[in-house]
């Protein structure tokens, strides 16, 4: 007597994410008769259930789940690395750093560091505003920064960063 098992799996774009059912049948090695579990005699059904319990699912059936887990892990790692980088940039600002900040609801722009003193940072605002975070790279050009300069205390800049008004720091 031989037992065969197969499983159905949930998939996204033909990538298996996880199996959701496992079925099987028994086949006689002499005559080739195949029986589903409901039609098996009791002693064969017990052996079928025991081997089904001990049969491992192939790892490929979890490949989508593994991919998603690896992707989430990478994104968390990258986010932590970015946070550490921004914290370092906050403690040691340089002339030319660009602060990406949120002005209000759906309004984003940049501030470029022009000058740094012991207790203050002088910033030149970008003359343009965008309605998407992704639009910042389009307006962040040297031609868009005017001559007007504003001074902020380091404490005020740190507060803006902690309150996520300043949400990203770019350094060349």
N, C-alpha and C. Protein backbone atom coordinates (compact mmCIF):
# COMPACT_ATOMS: atom_id res chain seq x y z
N UNK A 1 0.86 -1.18 0.00
CA UNK A 1 0.00 0.00 0.00
C UNK A 1 0.90 1.23 0.00
N UNK A 2 0.60 2.18 -0.86
CA UNK A 2 1.34 3.43 -0.93
C UNK A 2 0.37 4.59 -0.76
N UNK A 3 0.83 5.62 -0.09
CA UNK A 3 0.00 6.80 0.13
C UNK A 3 0.59 7.98 -0.66
N UNK A 4 -0.30 8.75 -1.24
CA UNK A 4 0.12 9.96 -1.97
C UNK A 4 -0.63 11.15 -1.38
N UNK A 5 0.10 12.25 -1.22
CA UNK A 5 -0.49 13.46 -0.65
C UNK A 5 -0.25 14.63 -1.58
N UNK A 6 -1.20 15.53 -1.61
CA UNK A 6 -1.04 16.77 -2.37
C UNK A 6 -1.75 17.87 -1.61
N UNK A 7 -1.34 19.09 -1.85
CA UNK A 7 -1.96 20.20 -1.15
C UNK A 7 -2.30 21.32 -2.11
N UNK A 8 -3.32 22.06 -1.75
CA UNK A 8 -3.69 23.27 -2.49
C UNK A 8 -3.13 24.44 -1.70
N UNK A 9 -2.75 25.47 -2.41
CA UNK A 9 -2.15 26.60 -1.71
C UNK A 9 -2.73 27.91 -2.22
N UNK A 10 -2.74 28.88 -1.34
CA UNK A 10 -3.14 30.24 -1.68
C UNK A 10 -1.98 30.87 -2.42
N UNK A 11 -2.26 31.57 -3.50
CA UNK A 11 -1.16 32.18 -4.26
C UNK A 11 -1.54 33.59 -4.70
N UNK A 12 -0.52 34.39 -4.94
CA UNK A 12 -0.66 35.74 -5.46
C UNK A 12 0.19 35.80 -6.72
N UNK A 13 -0.43 36.09 -7.84
CA UNK A 13 0.26 36.12 -9.12
C UNK A 13 1.08 34.84 -9.34
N UNK A 14 0.50 33.71 -9.06
CA UNK A 14 1.08 32.38 -9.26
C UNK A 14 2.28 32.11 -8.36
N UNK A 15 2.48 32.93 -7.35
CA UNK A 15 3.52 32.66 -6.36
C UNK A 15 2.83 32.07 -5.15
N UNK A 16 3.14 30.83 -4.78
CA UNK A 16 2.46 30.22 -3.63
C UNK A 16 2.84 30.93 -2.33
N UNK A 17 1.81 31.25 -1.54
CA UNK A 17 2.05 31.96 -0.29
C UNK A 17 2.01 30.97 0.88
N UNK A 18 0.94 30.17 0.96
CA UNK A 18 0.87 29.14 1.99
C UNK A 18 -0.16 28.10 1.58
N UNK A 19 0.03 26.84 2.01
CA UNK A 19 -0.95 25.80 1.70
C UNK A 19 -2.16 25.92 2.63
N UNK A 20 -3.34 25.63 2.11
CA UNK A 20 -4.52 25.72 2.97
C UNK A 20 -5.27 24.40 3.09
N UNK A 21 -4.93 23.42 2.30
CA UNK A 21 -5.54 22.10 2.47
C UNK A 21 -4.56 21.04 1.97
N UNK A 22 -4.61 19.89 2.64
CA UNK A 22 -3.77 18.78 2.22
C UNK A 22 -4.66 17.54 2.13
N UNK A 23 -4.65 16.94 0.97
CA UNK A 23 -5.47 15.75 0.73
C UNK A 23 -4.57 14.63 0.26
N UNK A 24 -5.15 13.46 0.18
CA UNK A 24 -4.37 12.33 -0.28
C UNK A 24 -5.24 11.14 -0.62
N UNK A 25 -4.57 10.06 -0.98
CA UNK A 25 -5.26 8.82 -1.31
C UNK A 25 -4.27 7.68 -1.12
N UNK A 26 -4.81 6.50 -1.09
CA UNK A 26 -3.97 5.31 -1.01
C UNK A 26 -4.09 4.56 -2.33
N UNK A 27 -3.02 3.91 -2.69
CA UNK A 27 -3.07 3.09 -3.91
C UNK A 27 -2.42 1.75 -3.61
N UNK A 28 -3.04 0.74 -4.11
CA UNK A 28 -2.55 -0.62 -3.92
C UNK A 28 -1.37 -0.83 -4.88
N UNK A 29 -0.28 -1.33 -4.34
CA UNK A 29 0.91 -1.55 -5.18
C UNK A 29 0.75 -2.77 -6.09
N UNK A 30 -0.20 -3.66 -5.76
CA UNK A 30 -0.42 -4.85 -6.60
C UNK A 30 -1.39 -4.58 -7.74
N UNK A 31 -2.60 -4.09 -7.39
CA UNK A 31 -3.64 -3.93 -8.41
C UNK A 31 -3.81 -2.50 -8.89
N UNK A 32 -3.25 -1.50 -8.18
CA UNK A 32 -3.34 -0.10 -8.59
C UNK A 32 -4.62 0.59 -8.18
N UNK A 33 -5.47 -0.09 -7.39
CA UNK A 33 -6.72 0.54 -6.95
C UNK A 33 -6.41 1.73 -6.04
N UNK A 34 -7.10 2.85 -6.28
CA UNK A 34 -6.91 4.05 -5.48
C UNK A 34 -8.16 4.30 -4.63
N UNK A 35 -7.92 4.64 -3.35
CA UNK A 35 -9.02 4.90 -2.42
C UNK A 35 -8.84 6.25 -1.74
N UNK A 36 -9.93 7.00 -1.68
CA UNK A 36 -9.93 8.24 -0.89
C UNK A 36 -10.10 7.85 0.57
N UNK A 37 -9.74 8.73 1.51
CA UNK A 37 -9.81 8.37 2.93
C UNK A 37 -11.18 7.86 3.39
N UNK A 38 -12.25 8.37 2.84
CA UNK A 38 -13.59 7.94 3.26
C UNK A 38 -13.89 6.49 2.86
N UNK A 39 -13.25 6.01 1.83
CA UNK A 39 -13.52 4.65 1.33
C UNK A 39 -12.49 3.64 1.82
N UNK A 40 -11.49 4.09 2.61
CA UNK A 40 -10.44 3.18 3.08
C UNK A 40 -10.95 2.35 4.26
N UNK A 41 -10.51 1.10 4.35
CA UNK A 41 -10.80 0.33 5.57
C UNK A 41 -10.12 1.01 6.76
N UNK A 42 -10.62 0.76 7.94
CA UNK A 42 -10.17 1.47 9.16
C UNK A 42 -8.67 1.33 9.40
N UNK A 43 -8.07 0.15 9.24
CA UNK A 43 -6.64 -0.03 9.50
C UNK A 43 -5.79 0.75 8.49
N UNK A 44 -6.25 0.85 7.25
CA UNK A 44 -5.51 1.63 6.24
C UNK A 44 -5.67 3.12 6.52
N UNK A 45 -6.88 3.54 6.94
CA UNK A 45 -7.13 4.94 7.24
C UNK A 45 -6.25 5.41 8.40
N UNK A 46 -6.05 4.56 9.41
CA UNK A 46 -5.17 4.91 10.54
C UNK A 46 -3.73 5.11 10.05
N UNK A 47 -3.26 4.20 9.22
CA UNK A 47 -1.91 4.31 8.67
C UNK A 47 -1.80 5.55 7.78
N UNK A 48 -2.85 5.85 7.02
CA UNK A 48 -2.89 7.03 6.16
C UNK A 48 -2.76 8.30 7.01
N UNK A 49 -3.52 8.39 8.09
CA UNK A 49 -3.48 9.58 8.96
C UNK A 49 -2.13 9.73 9.64
N UNK A 50 -1.53 8.64 10.05
CA UNK A 50 -0.21 8.70 10.70
C UNK A 50 0.85 9.21 9.72
N UNK A 51 0.86 8.67 8.53
CA UNK A 51 1.87 9.11 7.56
C UNK A 51 1.58 10.54 7.09
N UNK A 52 0.30 10.92 7.01
CA UNK A 52 -0.05 12.28 6.62
C UNK A 52 0.47 13.28 7.66
N UNK A 53 0.34 12.90 8.94
CA UNK A 53 0.81 13.76 10.03
C UNK A 53 2.34 13.91 9.99
N UNK A 54 3.04 12.88 9.62
CA UNK A 54 4.51 12.90 9.58
C UNK A 54 5.08 13.47 8.28
N UNK A 55 4.24 13.62 7.26
CA UNK A 55 4.70 14.12 5.96
C UNK A 55 4.87 15.63 6.03
N UNK A 56 6.05 16.09 5.68
CA UNK A 56 6.34 17.53 5.68
C UNK A 56 5.86 18.16 4.38
N UNK A 57 5.44 19.40 4.50
CA UNK A 57 5.06 20.16 3.30
C UNK A 57 6.32 20.68 2.63
N UNK A 58 6.34 20.72 1.31
CA UNK A 58 7.52 21.25 0.60
C UNK A 58 7.69 22.75 0.91
N UNK A 59 8.92 23.16 1.06
CA UNK A 59 9.23 24.55 1.42
C UNK A 59 8.79 25.53 0.34
N UNK A 60 8.78 25.08 -0.92
CA UNK A 60 8.41 25.99 -2.01
C UNK A 60 6.98 26.49 -1.87
N UNK A 61 6.14 25.75 -1.16
CA UNK A 61 4.76 26.18 -0.99
C UNK A 61 4.65 27.41 -0.07
N UNK A 62 5.72 27.75 0.61
CA UNK A 62 5.75 28.92 1.47
C UNK A 62 6.62 30.03 0.87
N UNK A 63 6.99 29.91 -0.39
CA UNK A 63 7.93 30.86 -0.99
C UNK A 63 7.40 32.30 -0.97
N UNK A 64 6.13 32.51 -1.21
CA UNK A 64 5.57 33.86 -1.16
C UNK A 64 5.64 34.43 0.24
N UNK A 65 5.34 33.61 1.23
CA UNK A 65 5.41 34.04 2.62
C UNK A 65 6.84 34.37 3.01
N UNK A 66 7.77 33.57 2.54
CA UNK A 66 9.19 33.82 2.81
C UNK A 66 9.63 35.12 2.15
N UNK A 67 9.21 35.35 0.91
CA UNK A 67 9.55 36.59 0.21
C UNK A 67 9.00 37.82 0.94
N UNK A 68 7.76 37.75 1.37
CA UNK A 68 7.15 38.87 2.09
C UNK A 68 7.88 39.12 3.40
N UNK A 69 8.23 38.06 4.12
CA UNK A 69 8.95 38.20 5.39
C UNK A 69 10.32 38.84 5.18
N UNK A 70 11.03 38.39 4.16
CA UNK A 70 12.35 38.97 3.86
C UNK A 70 12.20 40.44 3.47
N UNK A 71 11.21 40.76 2.67
CA UNK A 71 10.98 42.15 2.25
C UNK A 71 10.65 43.04 3.45
N UNK A 72 9.79 42.58 4.32
CA UNK A 72 9.44 43.36 5.52
C UNK A 72 10.67 43.53 6.41
N UNK A 73 11.43 42.47 6.58
CA UNK A 73 12.66 42.56 7.38
C UNK A 73 13.64 43.57 6.80
N UNK A 74 13.80 43.55 5.48
CA UNK A 74 14.70 44.51 4.83
C UNK A 74 14.20 45.93 5.02
N UNK A 75 12.90 46.15 4.86
CA UNK A 75 12.35 47.50 5.01
C UNK A 75 12.51 48.00 6.45
N UNK A 76 12.33 47.15 7.43
CA UNK A 76 12.53 47.54 8.82
C UNK A 76 13.99 47.88 9.06
N UNK A 77 14.89 47.05 8.56
CA UNK A 77 16.32 47.30 8.71
C UNK A 77 16.70 48.63 8.06
N UNK A 78 16.20 48.85 6.84
CA UNK A 78 16.52 50.08 6.12
C UNK A 78 15.98 51.31 6.84
N UNK A 79 14.79 51.19 7.40
CA UNK A 79 14.19 52.30 8.14
C UNK A 79 15.02 52.63 9.38
N UNK A 80 15.47 51.61 10.09
CA UNK A 80 16.31 51.83 11.28
C UNK A 80 17.64 52.46 10.88
N UNK A 81 18.21 52.03 9.76
CA UNK A 81 19.47 52.59 9.29
C UNK A 81 19.28 54.06 8.91
N UNK A 82 18.17 54.37 8.24
CA UNK A 82 17.88 55.76 7.88
C UNK A 82 17.70 56.62 9.13
N UNK A 83 16.99 56.09 10.13
CA UNK A 83 16.79 56.84 11.37
C UNK A 83 18.12 57.14 12.04
N UNK A 84 19.03 56.18 12.05
CA UNK A 84 20.35 56.38 12.65
C UNK A 84 21.14 57.43 11.87
N UNK A 85 21.05 57.37 10.56
CA UNK A 85 21.74 58.35 9.71
C UNK A 85 21.21 59.76 9.95
N UNK A 86 19.87 59.88 9.99
CA UNK A 86 19.27 61.20 10.22
C UNK A 86 19.63 61.74 11.60
N UNK A 87 19.67 60.87 12.60
CA UNK A 87 20.05 61.30 13.95
C UNK A 87 21.49 61.81 13.96
N UNK A 88 22.36 61.13 13.22
CA UNK A 88 23.75 61.58 13.11
C UNK A 88 23.82 62.93 12.40
N UNK A 89 23.06 63.09 11.32
CA UNK A 89 23.03 64.36 10.59
C UNK A 89 22.47 65.48 11.47
N UNK A 90 21.55 65.15 12.36
CA UNK A 90 20.97 66.15 13.26
C UNK A 90 22.00 66.65 14.27
N UNK A 91 22.79 65.75 14.79
CA UNK A 91 23.78 66.14 15.80
C UNK A 91 24.99 66.84 15.20
N UNK A 92 25.27 66.58 13.93
CA UNK A 92 26.41 67.24 13.29
C UNK A 92 26.01 67.77 11.90
N UNK A 93 25.22 68.85 11.89
CA UNK A 93 24.79 69.39 10.60
C UNK A 93 25.96 69.99 9.82
N UNK A 94 25.82 70.01 8.50
CA UNK A 94 26.84 70.58 7.62
C UNK A 94 26.18 71.59 6.69
N UNK A 95 26.95 72.54 6.28
CA UNK A 95 26.48 73.50 5.30
C UNK A 95 26.19 72.74 4.00
N UNK A 96 25.02 72.98 3.43
CA UNK A 96 24.63 72.27 2.22
C UNK A 96 23.63 71.15 2.47
N UNK A 97 23.47 70.72 3.73
CA UNK A 97 22.45 69.72 4.04
C UNK A 97 21.09 70.28 3.66
N UNK A 98 20.22 69.39 3.22
CA UNK A 98 18.87 69.81 2.84
C UNK A 98 17.87 69.09 3.75
N UNK A 99 17.04 69.89 4.42
CA UNK A 99 15.98 69.36 5.27
C UNK A 99 14.70 69.32 4.44
N UNK A 100 14.11 68.14 4.35
CA UNK A 100 12.79 68.02 3.72
C UNK A 100 11.78 68.19 4.85
N UNK A 101 10.81 69.09 4.64
CA UNK A 101 9.86 69.34 5.72
C UNK A 101 8.45 69.51 5.19
N UNK A 102 7.51 69.33 6.12
CA UNK A 102 6.10 69.44 5.81
C UNK A 102 5.63 70.80 6.28
N UNK A 103 5.08 71.58 5.35
CA UNK A 103 4.56 72.91 5.67
C UNK A 103 3.17 72.83 6.29
N UNK A 104 2.33 72.05 5.71
CA UNK A 104 0.94 71.90 6.15
C UNK A 104 0.37 70.68 5.49
N UNK A 105 -0.95 70.62 5.43
CA UNK A 105 -1.61 69.48 4.80
C UNK A 105 -1.25 69.43 3.33
N UNK A 106 -0.62 68.37 2.91
CA UNK A 106 -0.21 68.15 1.51
C UNK A 106 0.66 69.27 0.95
N UNK A 107 1.52 69.84 1.76
CA UNK A 107 2.47 70.85 1.29
C UNK A 107 3.85 70.48 1.82
N UNK A 108 4.78 70.30 0.90
CA UNK A 108 6.14 69.89 1.25
C UNK A 108 7.13 70.79 0.54
N UNK A 109 8.26 71.03 1.19
CA UNK A 109 9.32 71.82 0.58
C UNK A 109 10.64 71.47 1.25
N UNK A 110 11.67 72.27 0.97
CA UNK A 110 12.99 72.00 1.52
C UNK A 110 13.60 73.27 2.12
N UNK A 111 14.54 73.04 3.01
CA UNK A 111 15.35 74.11 3.61
C UNK A 111 16.80 73.68 3.46
N UNK A 112 17.64 74.57 2.95
CA UNK A 112 19.05 74.24 2.78
C UNK A 112 19.87 75.00 3.82
N UNK A 113 20.78 74.29 4.48
CA UNK A 113 21.64 74.92 5.48
C UNK A 113 22.67 75.80 4.76
N UNK A 114 22.68 77.08 5.17
CA UNK A 114 23.62 78.03 4.58
C UNK A 114 24.79 78.29 5.51
N UNK A 115 24.49 78.34 6.81
CA UNK A 115 25.52 78.71 7.78
C UNK A 115 25.18 78.05 9.12
N UNK A 116 26.23 77.73 9.87
CA UNK A 116 26.04 77.08 11.16
C UNK A 116 26.89 77.80 12.20
N UNK A 117 26.27 78.12 13.33
CA UNK A 117 27.02 78.68 14.45
C UNK A 117 26.88 77.71 15.62
N UNK A 118 27.42 78.09 16.75
CA UNK A 118 27.41 77.21 17.91
C UNK A 118 25.99 76.86 18.36
N UNK A 119 25.08 77.84 18.33
CA UNK A 119 23.73 77.59 18.82
C UNK A 119 22.63 77.80 17.78
N UNK A 120 22.99 78.17 16.55
CA UNK A 120 21.99 78.45 15.53
C UNK A 120 22.35 77.82 14.19
N UNK A 121 21.30 77.63 13.40
CA UNK A 121 21.46 77.13 12.04
C UNK A 121 20.70 78.09 11.14
N UNK A 122 21.35 78.57 10.10
CA UNK A 122 20.73 79.50 9.16
C UNK A 122 20.35 78.74 7.90
N UNK A 123 19.08 78.86 7.57
CA UNK A 123 18.51 78.07 6.48
C UNK A 123 17.96 78.97 5.38
N UNK A 124 18.10 78.51 4.15
CA UNK A 124 17.52 79.19 3.00
C UNK A 124 16.34 78.33 2.53
N UNK A 125 15.11 78.89 2.54
CA UNK A 125 13.95 78.10 2.11
C UNK A 125 13.89 77.96 0.59
N UNK A 126 13.36 76.85 0.16
CA UNK A 126 13.09 76.63 -1.26
C UNK A 126 11.90 77.52 -1.62
N UNK A 127 11.95 78.14 -2.77
CA UNK A 127 10.87 79.04 -3.18
C UNK A 127 9.65 78.29 -3.71
N UNK A 128 9.77 76.99 -3.88
CA UNK A 128 8.68 76.20 -4.43
C UNK A 128 8.16 75.21 -3.39
N UNK A 129 6.90 74.84 -3.57
CA UNK A 129 6.23 73.88 -2.69
C UNK A 129 5.60 72.82 -3.59
N UNK A 130 5.55 71.59 -3.10
CA UNK A 130 4.90 70.52 -3.84
C UNK A 130 3.83 69.89 -2.97
N UNK A 131 2.88 69.20 -3.59
CA UNK A 131 1.80 68.59 -2.81
C UNK A 131 2.06 67.11 -2.51
N UNK A 132 3.22 66.60 -2.88
CA UNK A 132 3.57 65.20 -2.61
C UNK A 132 5.00 65.11 -2.10
N UNK A 133 5.22 64.19 -1.19
CA UNK A 133 6.59 63.96 -0.72
C UNK A 133 7.50 63.56 -1.87
N UNK A 134 6.94 62.79 -2.79
CA UNK A 134 7.76 62.32 -3.90
C UNK A 134 8.13 63.44 -4.86
N UNK A 135 7.45 64.59 -4.78
CA UNK A 135 7.75 65.70 -5.67
C UNK A 135 8.91 66.56 -5.22
N UNK A 136 9.46 66.29 -4.04
CA UNK A 136 10.56 67.09 -3.49
C UNK A 136 11.77 67.06 -4.42
N UNK A 137 12.10 65.91 -4.96
CA UNK A 137 13.30 65.83 -5.80
C UNK A 137 13.20 66.72 -7.04
N UNK A 138 11.98 67.00 -7.49
CA UNK A 138 11.80 67.85 -8.66
C UNK A 138 12.06 69.33 -8.35
N UNK A 139 11.77 69.75 -7.11
CA UNK A 139 11.95 71.17 -6.77
C UNK A 139 13.27 71.45 -6.06
N UNK A 140 13.99 70.42 -5.67
CA UNK A 140 15.24 70.62 -4.93
C UNK A 140 16.41 70.84 -5.90
N UNK A 141 16.45 72.04 -6.45
CA UNK A 141 17.58 72.44 -7.31
C UNK A 141 18.12 73.76 -6.78
N UNK A 142 19.39 74.01 -7.01
CA UNK A 142 20.03 75.22 -6.50
C UNK A 142 19.33 76.50 -6.98
N UNK A 143 18.78 76.48 -8.18
CA UNK A 143 18.11 77.67 -8.73
C UNK A 143 16.86 78.05 -7.95
N UNK A 144 16.28 77.11 -7.19
CA UNK A 144 15.04 77.37 -6.46
C UNK A 144 15.26 77.94 -5.07
N UNK A 145 16.51 78.15 -4.67
CA UNK A 145 16.81 78.75 -3.36
C UNK A 145 17.17 80.20 -3.58
N UNK A 146 16.49 81.07 -2.85
CA UNK A 146 16.72 82.51 -3.00
C UNK A 146 17.85 82.99 -2.11
N UNK A 147 17.86 84.30 -1.86
CA UNK A 147 18.89 84.93 -1.03
C UNK A 147 18.46 85.05 0.43
N UNK A 148 17.16 84.96 0.69
CA UNK A 148 16.62 85.15 2.03
C UNK A 148 17.05 84.00 2.95
N UNK A 149 17.54 84.36 4.14
CA UNK A 149 18.04 83.36 5.07
C UNK A 149 17.34 83.55 6.42
N UNK A 150 16.93 82.44 7.04
CA UNK A 150 16.27 82.48 8.35
C UNK A 150 17.14 81.74 9.35
N UNK A 151 17.22 82.28 10.56
CA UNK A 151 17.98 81.64 11.61
C UNK A 151 17.07 80.88 12.56
N UNK A 152 17.46 79.66 12.89
CA UNK A 152 16.74 78.82 13.84
C UNK A 152 17.73 78.35 14.90
N UNK A 153 17.24 78.22 16.13
CA UNK A 153 18.10 77.64 17.15
C UNK A 153 18.21 76.15 16.89
N UNK A 154 19.28 75.56 17.36
CA UNK A 154 19.44 74.10 17.19
C UNK A 154 18.32 73.35 17.89
N UNK A 155 17.89 73.89 19.03
CA UNK A 155 16.78 73.25 19.76
C UNK A 155 15.50 73.26 18.94
N UNK A 156 15.24 74.36 18.25
CA UNK A 156 14.05 74.46 17.41
C UNK A 156 14.13 73.47 16.25
N UNK A 157 15.28 73.31 15.63
CA UNK A 157 15.46 72.35 14.54
C UNK A 157 15.26 70.92 15.07
N UNK A 158 15.81 70.63 16.24
CA UNK A 158 15.63 69.29 16.82
C UNK A 158 14.17 69.02 17.15
N UNK A 159 13.45 70.03 17.64
CA UNK A 159 12.03 69.88 17.94
C UNK A 159 11.26 69.60 16.64
N UNK A 160 11.58 70.32 15.58
CA UNK A 160 10.91 70.11 14.29
C UNK A 160 11.18 68.69 13.78
N UNK A 161 12.38 68.19 14.01
CA UNK A 161 12.72 66.83 13.58
C UNK A 161 11.96 65.80 14.42
N UNK A 162 11.91 66.01 15.74
CA UNK A 162 11.19 65.07 16.62
C UNK A 162 9.69 65.08 16.32
N UNK A 163 9.15 66.25 15.98
CA UNK A 163 7.72 66.36 15.66
C UNK A 163 7.42 65.96 14.22
N UNK A 164 8.45 65.52 13.50
CA UNK A 164 8.36 65.06 12.12
C UNK A 164 7.91 66.14 11.15
N UNK A 165 8.12 67.40 11.52
CA UNK A 165 7.95 68.48 10.54
C UNK A 165 9.09 68.36 9.53
N UNK A 166 10.30 68.15 10.05
CA UNK A 166 11.44 67.77 9.20
C UNK A 166 11.45 66.25 9.20
N UNK A 167 11.25 65.66 8.04
CA UNK A 167 11.11 64.20 8.00
C UNK A 167 12.26 63.49 7.30
N UNK A 168 13.14 64.25 6.65
CA UNK A 168 14.28 63.63 5.98
C UNK A 168 15.39 64.65 5.84
N UNK A 169 16.63 64.17 5.93
CA UNK A 169 17.79 65.03 5.77
C UNK A 169 18.64 64.45 4.66
N UNK A 170 18.94 65.28 3.66
CA UNK A 170 19.77 64.84 2.55
C UNK A 170 21.14 65.50 2.66
N UNK A 171 22.17 64.70 2.48
CA UNK A 171 23.54 65.20 2.52
C UNK A 171 24.26 64.72 1.27
N UNK A 172 24.95 65.63 0.64
CA UNK A 172 25.69 65.26 -0.58
C UNK A 172 27.02 64.64 -0.25
